[in-house]
């Protein structure tokens, strides 16, 4: 039986994203495309908006109510995610729109030494 959560401390670099998606799939043991998408988008946001190589903690847990919770913690309390609506001409800006579409809810817990962006599916 798998532990109740998966926790990974890693550097937010592009090559870590597919490895993390694979670890999530193995941990959950069933198809979890939406969970993998949310993990990818949250770590990708750290890479783009905080900086490549930023240390992050990723935690994926199954709650008693059947929901899956994803948390990505980074050391920058100032770079907060903003839900934007990208135009056809924009090259980016769709990650949180995707997350918002598949998650039941999401938010940010801001602290002095960092922040945690989380979502529940």
N, C-alpha and C. Protein backbone atom coordinates (compact mmCIF):
# COMPACT_ATOMS: atom_id res chain seq x y z
N UNK A 1 0.84 -1.19 0.00
CA UNK A 1 0.00 0.00 0.00
C UNK A 1 0.88 1.24 0.00
N UNK A 2 0.54 2.21 -0.84
CA UNK A 2 1.29 3.45 -0.92
C UNK A 2 1.06 4.30 0.32
N UNK A 3 2.05 5.12 0.70
CA UNK A 3 1.83 6.06 1.80
C UNK A 3 0.72 7.03 1.41
N UNK A 4 0.15 7.75 2.39
CA UNK A 4 -1.00 8.62 2.09
C UNK A 4 -0.65 9.83 1.24
N UNK A 5 0.62 10.11 1.08
CA UNK A 5 1.00 11.26 0.26
C UNK A 5 2.34 11.00 -0.41
N UNK A 6 2.56 11.76 -1.48
CA UNK A 6 3.84 11.78 -2.17
C UNK A 6 4.44 13.15 -1.90
N UNK A 7 5.67 13.19 -1.44
CA UNK A 7 6.34 14.45 -1.22
C UNK A 7 7.70 14.40 -1.90
N UNK A 8 7.99 15.44 -2.66
CA UNK A 8 9.26 15.51 -3.37
C UNK A 8 9.86 16.90 -3.18
N UNK A 9 11.11 16.94 -2.80
CA UNK A 9 11.87 18.18 -2.74
C UNK A 9 12.81 18.16 -3.93
N UNK A 10 12.70 19.18 -4.78
CA UNK A 10 13.47 19.18 -6.01
C UNK A 10 13.74 20.60 -6.46
N UNK A 11 14.57 20.70 -7.49
CA UNK A 11 14.81 21.99 -8.12
C UNK A 11 13.84 22.12 -9.29
N UNK A 12 13.21 23.27 -9.40
CA UNK A 12 12.25 23.51 -10.47
C UNK A 12 13.01 23.77 -11.77
N UNK A 13 13.22 22.69 -12.50
CA UNK A 13 13.87 22.74 -13.81
C UNK A 13 13.00 21.95 -14.78
N UNK A 14 13.04 22.30 -16.07
CA UNK A 14 12.15 21.62 -17.02
C UNK A 14 12.25 20.09 -17.02
N UNK A 15 13.46 19.54 -16.86
CA UNK A 15 13.58 18.07 -16.92
C UNK A 15 12.94 17.39 -15.71
N UNK A 16 12.69 18.13 -14.64
CA UNK A 16 12.06 17.54 -13.46
C UNK A 16 10.56 17.33 -13.65
N UNK A 17 9.95 18.07 -14.56
CA UNK A 17 8.49 18.01 -14.72
C UNK A 17 8.01 16.64 -15.19
N UNK A 18 8.55 16.05 -16.27
CA UNK A 18 8.07 14.72 -16.66
C UNK A 18 8.39 13.65 -15.62
N UNK A 19 9.52 13.79 -14.93
CA UNK A 19 9.86 12.84 -13.86
C UNK A 19 8.83 12.92 -12.73
N UNK A 20 8.42 14.13 -12.41
CA UNK A 20 7.42 14.35 -11.37
C UNK A 20 6.06 13.80 -11.79
N UNK A 21 5.67 14.02 -13.04
CA UNK A 21 4.40 13.46 -13.55
C UNK A 21 4.41 11.95 -13.42
N UNK A 22 5.53 11.33 -13.77
CA UNK A 22 5.65 9.87 -13.66
C UNK A 22 5.53 9.42 -12.20
N UNK A 23 6.20 10.12 -11.29
CA UNK A 23 6.13 9.76 -9.87
C UNK A 23 4.70 9.87 -9.35
N UNK A 24 3.98 10.88 -9.80
CA UNK A 24 2.58 11.05 -9.39
C UNK A 24 1.75 9.88 -9.89
N UNK A 25 1.95 9.51 -11.14
CA UNK A 25 1.19 8.39 -11.73
C UNK A 25 1.46 7.10 -10.97
N UNK A 26 2.71 6.83 -10.67
CA UNK A 26 3.07 5.62 -9.92
C UNK A 26 2.46 5.67 -8.53
N UNK A 27 2.53 6.81 -7.87
CA UNK A 27 2.00 6.93 -6.51
C UNK A 27 0.49 6.72 -6.48
N UNK A 28 -0.23 7.37 -7.38
CA UNK A 28 -1.69 7.27 -7.36
C UNK A 28 -2.18 5.93 -7.89
N UNK A 29 -1.41 5.31 -8.78
CA UNK A 29 -1.73 3.96 -9.22
C UNK A 29 -2.91 3.84 -10.17
N UNK A 30 -3.41 4.93 -10.67
CA UNK A 30 -4.49 4.87 -11.64
C UNK A 30 -4.38 6.09 -12.55
N UNK A 31 -5.14 6.12 -13.63
CA UNK A 31 -5.05 7.29 -14.52
C UNK A 31 -5.33 8.58 -13.74
N UNK A 32 -4.47 9.55 -13.94
CA UNK A 32 -4.57 10.79 -13.16
C UNK A 32 -4.13 11.97 -14.00
N UNK A 33 -4.64 12.06 -15.21
CA UNK A 33 -4.21 13.11 -16.15
C UNK A 33 -4.40 14.50 -15.58
N UNK A 34 -5.52 14.76 -14.91
CA UNK A 34 -5.77 16.09 -14.37
C UNK A 34 -4.79 16.43 -13.25
N UNK A 35 -4.47 15.44 -12.42
CA UNK A 35 -3.49 15.67 -11.35
C UNK A 35 -2.13 15.96 -11.96
N UNK A 36 -1.73 15.17 -12.94
CA UNK A 36 -0.45 15.39 -13.61
C UNK A 36 -0.40 16.75 -14.29
N UNK A 37 -1.50 17.17 -14.90
CA UNK A 37 -1.57 18.49 -15.53
C UNK A 37 -1.36 19.59 -14.50
N UNK A 38 -2.04 19.50 -13.36
CA UNK A 38 -1.93 20.53 -12.33
C UNK A 38 -0.53 20.58 -11.74
N UNK A 39 0.08 19.43 -11.50
CA UNK A 39 1.45 19.40 -10.99
C UNK A 39 2.38 20.08 -12.00
N UNK A 40 2.22 19.74 -13.27
CA UNK A 40 3.06 20.33 -14.32
C UNK A 40 2.90 21.84 -14.38
N UNK A 41 1.68 22.32 -14.33
CA UNK A 41 1.43 23.76 -14.43
C UNK A 41 1.97 24.50 -13.22
N UNK A 42 1.80 23.94 -12.03
CA UNK A 42 2.28 24.63 -10.83
C UNK A 42 3.80 24.69 -10.78
N UNK A 43 4.46 23.60 -11.12
CA UNK A 43 5.92 23.63 -11.15
C UNK A 43 6.40 24.50 -12.31
N UNK A 44 5.72 24.44 -13.45
CA UNK A 44 6.07 25.29 -14.57
C UNK A 44 5.96 26.77 -14.23
N UNK A 45 4.98 27.13 -13.42
CA UNK A 45 4.84 28.52 -12.99
C UNK A 45 6.02 28.96 -12.14
N UNK A 46 6.52 28.07 -11.30
CA UNK A 46 7.71 28.40 -10.50
C UNK A 46 8.89 28.64 -11.44
N UNK A 47 9.07 27.77 -12.41
CA UNK A 47 10.18 27.91 -13.36
C UNK A 47 10.09 29.26 -14.07
N UNK A 48 8.90 29.61 -14.56
CA UNK A 48 8.73 30.83 -15.35
C UNK A 48 8.73 32.10 -14.51
N UNK A 49 8.13 32.07 -13.34
CA UNK A 49 7.89 33.32 -12.61
C UNK A 49 8.77 33.53 -11.38
N UNK A 50 9.35 32.46 -10.86
CA UNK A 50 10.27 32.60 -9.72
C UNK A 50 11.70 32.40 -10.20
N UNK A 51 11.89 31.40 -11.07
CA UNK A 51 13.22 31.20 -11.65
C UNK A 51 13.58 29.73 -11.74
N UNK A 52 14.18 29.38 -12.87
CA UNK A 52 14.64 28.00 -13.06
C UNK A 52 15.68 27.68 -12.00
N UNK A 53 15.57 26.50 -11.42
CA UNK A 53 16.49 26.06 -10.38
C UNK A 53 16.04 26.39 -8.97
N UNK A 54 14.86 27.00 -8.83
CA UNK A 54 14.32 27.31 -7.51
C UNK A 54 14.00 26.01 -6.77
N UNK A 55 14.40 25.90 -5.51
CA UNK A 55 14.01 24.71 -4.75
C UNK A 55 12.51 24.75 -4.43
N UNK A 56 11.84 23.63 -4.66
CA UNK A 56 10.41 23.53 -4.37
C UNK A 56 10.12 22.23 -3.63
N UNK A 57 9.01 22.25 -2.92
CA UNK A 57 8.47 21.02 -2.32
C UNK A 57 7.12 20.78 -2.98
N UNK A 58 6.94 19.59 -3.51
CA UNK A 58 5.68 19.20 -4.14
C UNK A 58 5.08 18.10 -3.27
N UNK A 59 3.82 18.28 -2.95
CA UNK A 59 3.12 17.29 -2.13
C UNK A 59 1.79 16.97 -2.79
N UNK A 60 1.52 15.68 -2.98
CA UNK A 60 0.27 15.20 -3.55
C UNK A 60 -0.33 14.24 -2.54
N UNK A 61 -1.56 14.52 -2.12
CA UNK A 61 -2.18 13.66 -1.11
C UNK A 61 -3.63 13.40 -1.46
N UNK A 62 -4.10 12.25 -1.04
CA UNK A 62 -5.52 11.91 -1.15
C UNK A 62 -6.17 12.21 0.18
N UNK A 63 -7.23 12.96 0.11
CA UNK A 63 -7.94 13.34 1.34
C UNK A 63 -9.03 12.32 1.64
N UNK A 64 -9.50 12.34 2.87
CA UNK A 64 -10.55 11.40 3.28
C UNK A 64 -11.83 11.58 2.49
N UNK A 65 -12.08 12.80 1.99
CA UNK A 65 -13.30 13.05 1.22
C UNK A 65 -13.17 12.62 -0.24
N UNK A 66 -12.04 11.98 -0.60
CA UNK A 66 -11.84 11.48 -1.95
C UNK A 66 -11.14 12.45 -2.88
N UNK A 67 -10.94 13.67 -2.44
CA UNK A 67 -10.24 14.65 -3.27
C UNK A 67 -8.73 14.39 -3.24
N UNK A 68 -8.08 14.85 -4.30
CA UNK A 68 -6.62 14.85 -4.35
C UNK A 68 -6.17 16.29 -4.20
N UNK A 69 -5.24 16.52 -3.28
CA UNK A 69 -4.71 17.87 -3.04
C UNK A 69 -3.27 17.91 -3.52
N UNK A 70 -2.94 18.96 -4.25
CA UNK A 70 -1.59 19.20 -4.75
C UNK A 70 -1.11 20.50 -4.13
N UNK A 71 0.10 20.48 -3.59
CA UNK A 71 0.71 21.68 -3.03
C UNK A 71 2.11 21.83 -3.60
N UNK A 72 2.43 23.03 -4.05
CA UNK A 72 3.77 23.34 -4.53
C UNK A 72 4.25 24.56 -3.74
N UNK A 73 5.32 24.36 -2.97
CA UNK A 73 5.86 25.40 -2.11
C UNK A 73 7.19 25.89 -2.67
N UNK A 74 7.34 27.22 -2.74
CA UNK A 74 8.60 27.81 -3.18
C UNK A 74 8.99 28.94 -2.23
N UNK A 75 10.23 29.41 -2.29
CA UNK A 75 10.72 30.39 -1.31
C UNK A 75 10.40 31.86 -1.61
N UNK A 76 9.62 32.16 -2.65
CA UNK A 76 9.35 33.55 -2.98
C UNK A 76 7.92 33.93 -2.62
N UNK A 77 7.73 34.67 -1.52
CA UNK A 77 6.36 35.03 -1.12
C UNK A 77 5.75 36.13 -1.98
N UNK A 78 6.55 36.75 -2.85
CA UNK A 78 6.06 37.89 -3.63
C UNK A 78 5.50 37.51 -4.99
N UNK A 79 6.00 36.48 -5.62
CA UNK A 79 5.57 36.11 -6.98
C UNK A 79 4.28 35.29 -6.88
N UNK A 80 3.16 35.99 -6.79
CA UNK A 80 1.87 35.32 -6.62
C UNK A 80 1.23 35.00 -7.98
N UNK A 81 0.56 33.86 -8.06
CA UNK A 81 -0.09 33.50 -9.32
C UNK A 81 -1.30 34.41 -9.57
N UNK A 82 -1.50 34.73 -10.84
CA UNK A 82 -2.62 35.59 -11.24
C UNK A 82 -3.36 34.88 -12.37
N UNK A 83 -4.66 34.72 -12.20
CA UNK A 83 -5.50 34.11 -13.23
C UNK A 83 -5.77 35.16 -14.30
N UNK A 84 -5.21 34.91 -15.50
CA UNK A 84 -5.40 35.83 -16.62
C UNK A 84 -6.11 35.08 -17.74
N UNK A 85 -6.65 35.82 -18.63
CA UNK A 85 -7.26 35.21 -19.81
C UNK A 85 -6.44 35.65 -21.01
N UNK A 86 -5.64 34.72 -21.50
CA UNK A 86 -4.73 35.00 -22.62
C UNK A 86 -5.52 35.16 -23.91
N UNK A 87 -5.00 35.99 -24.77
CA UNK A 87 -5.59 36.15 -26.10
C UNK A 87 -4.92 35.16 -27.05
N UNK A 88 -5.46 35.06 -28.24
CA UNK A 88 -4.88 34.16 -29.25
C UNK A 88 -3.44 34.52 -29.57
N UNK A 89 -3.08 35.78 -29.43
CA UNK A 89 -1.73 36.24 -29.75
C UNK A 89 -0.72 35.97 -28.64
N UNK A 90 -1.19 35.70 -27.42
CA UNK A 90 -0.29 35.47 -26.29
C UNK A 90 0.36 34.09 -26.39
N UNK A 91 1.66 34.04 -26.10
CA UNK A 91 2.38 32.77 -26.12
C UNK A 91 2.20 31.99 -24.83
N UNK A 92 1.82 32.64 -23.76
CA UNK A 92 1.64 31.97 -22.46
C UNK A 92 0.42 32.53 -21.76
N UNK A 93 0.33 32.22 -20.48
CA UNK A 93 -0.77 32.76 -19.69
C UNK A 93 -1.98 31.87 -19.59
N UNK A 94 -1.85 30.61 -20.00
CA UNK A 94 -3.00 29.70 -19.97
C UNK A 94 -2.93 28.66 -18.86
N UNK A 95 -1.79 28.58 -18.17
CA UNK A 95 -1.60 27.54 -17.16
C UNK A 95 -2.62 27.58 -16.04
N UNK A 96 -2.81 28.74 -15.44
CA UNK A 96 -3.78 28.83 -14.35
C UNK A 96 -5.21 28.72 -14.86
N UNK A 97 -5.45 29.09 -16.09
CA UNK A 97 -6.79 28.91 -16.67
C UNK A 97 -7.10 27.42 -16.76
N UNK A 98 -6.11 26.63 -17.21
CA UNK A 98 -6.29 25.18 -17.26
C UNK A 98 -6.50 24.61 -15.86
N UNK A 99 -5.66 25.03 -14.92
CA UNK A 99 -5.78 24.55 -13.54
C UNK A 99 -7.15 24.91 -12.98
N UNK A 100 -7.58 26.15 -13.19
CA UNK A 100 -8.87 26.60 -12.70
C UNK A 100 -10.02 25.79 -13.30
N UNK A 101 -9.85 25.35 -14.55
CA UNK A 101 -10.90 24.58 -15.22
C UNK A 101 -11.02 23.16 -14.68
N UNK A 102 -9.92 22.54 -14.28
CA UNK A 102 -9.98 21.14 -13.84
C UNK A 102 -10.06 21.00 -12.32
N UNK A 103 -9.60 21.98 -11.58
CA UNK A 103 -9.61 21.88 -10.11
C UNK A 103 -10.96 22.30 -9.55
N UNK A 104 -11.32 21.67 -8.43
CA UNK A 104 -12.53 22.08 -7.72
C UNK A 104 -12.33 23.45 -7.08
N UNK A 105 -11.11 23.64 -6.57
CA UNK A 105 -10.74 24.92 -5.99
C UNK A 105 -9.23 24.99 -5.92
N UNK A 106 -8.70 26.23 -5.80
CA UNK A 106 -7.26 26.42 -5.69
C UNK A 106 -7.02 27.73 -4.96
N UNK A 107 -5.79 27.88 -4.47
CA UNK A 107 -5.47 29.10 -3.76
C UNK A 107 -3.99 29.19 -3.43
N UNK A 108 -3.67 30.20 -2.63
CA UNK A 108 -2.28 30.46 -2.25
C UNK A 108 -2.24 30.70 -0.75
N UNK A 109 -1.29 30.06 -0.08
CA UNK A 109 -0.99 30.33 1.32
C UNK A 109 0.35 31.04 1.34
N UNK A 110 0.33 32.30 1.73
CA UNK A 110 1.53 33.12 1.70
C UNK A 110 2.14 33.20 3.09
N UNK A 111 3.46 33.03 3.16
CA UNK A 111 4.19 33.14 4.41
C UNK A 111 5.33 34.11 4.27
N UNK A 112 6.06 34.30 5.34
CA UNK A 112 7.20 35.22 5.33
C UNK A 112 8.32 34.67 4.45
N UNK A 113 8.54 33.36 4.51
CA UNK A 113 9.67 32.76 3.81
C UNK A 113 9.27 32.01 2.55
N UNK A 114 8.07 32.24 2.04
CA UNK A 114 7.67 31.56 0.82
C UNK A 114 6.16 31.49 0.69
N UNK A 115 5.73 30.68 -0.25
CA UNK A 115 4.30 30.50 -0.47
C UNK A 115 4.03 29.09 -0.92
N UNK A 116 2.79 28.66 -0.73
CA UNK A 116 2.33 27.38 -1.24
C UNK A 116 1.12 27.65 -2.12
N UNK A 117 1.21 27.20 -3.36
CA UNK A 117 0.07 27.25 -4.27
C UNK A 117 -0.51 25.85 -4.26
N UNK A 118 -1.81 25.75 -4.04
CA UNK A 118 -2.45 24.44 -3.90
C UNK A 118 -3.70 24.36 -4.76
N UNK A 119 -4.10 23.15 -5.03
CA UNK A 119 -5.39 22.92 -5.70
C UNK A 119 -5.92 21.57 -5.25
N UNK A 120 -7.23 21.42 -5.40
CA UNK A 120 -7.89 20.16 -5.08
C UNK A 120 -8.72 19.71 -6.26
N UNK A 121 -8.63 18.42 -6.53
CA UNK A 121 -9.40 17.81 -7.63
C UNK A 121 -10.25 16.70 -7.06
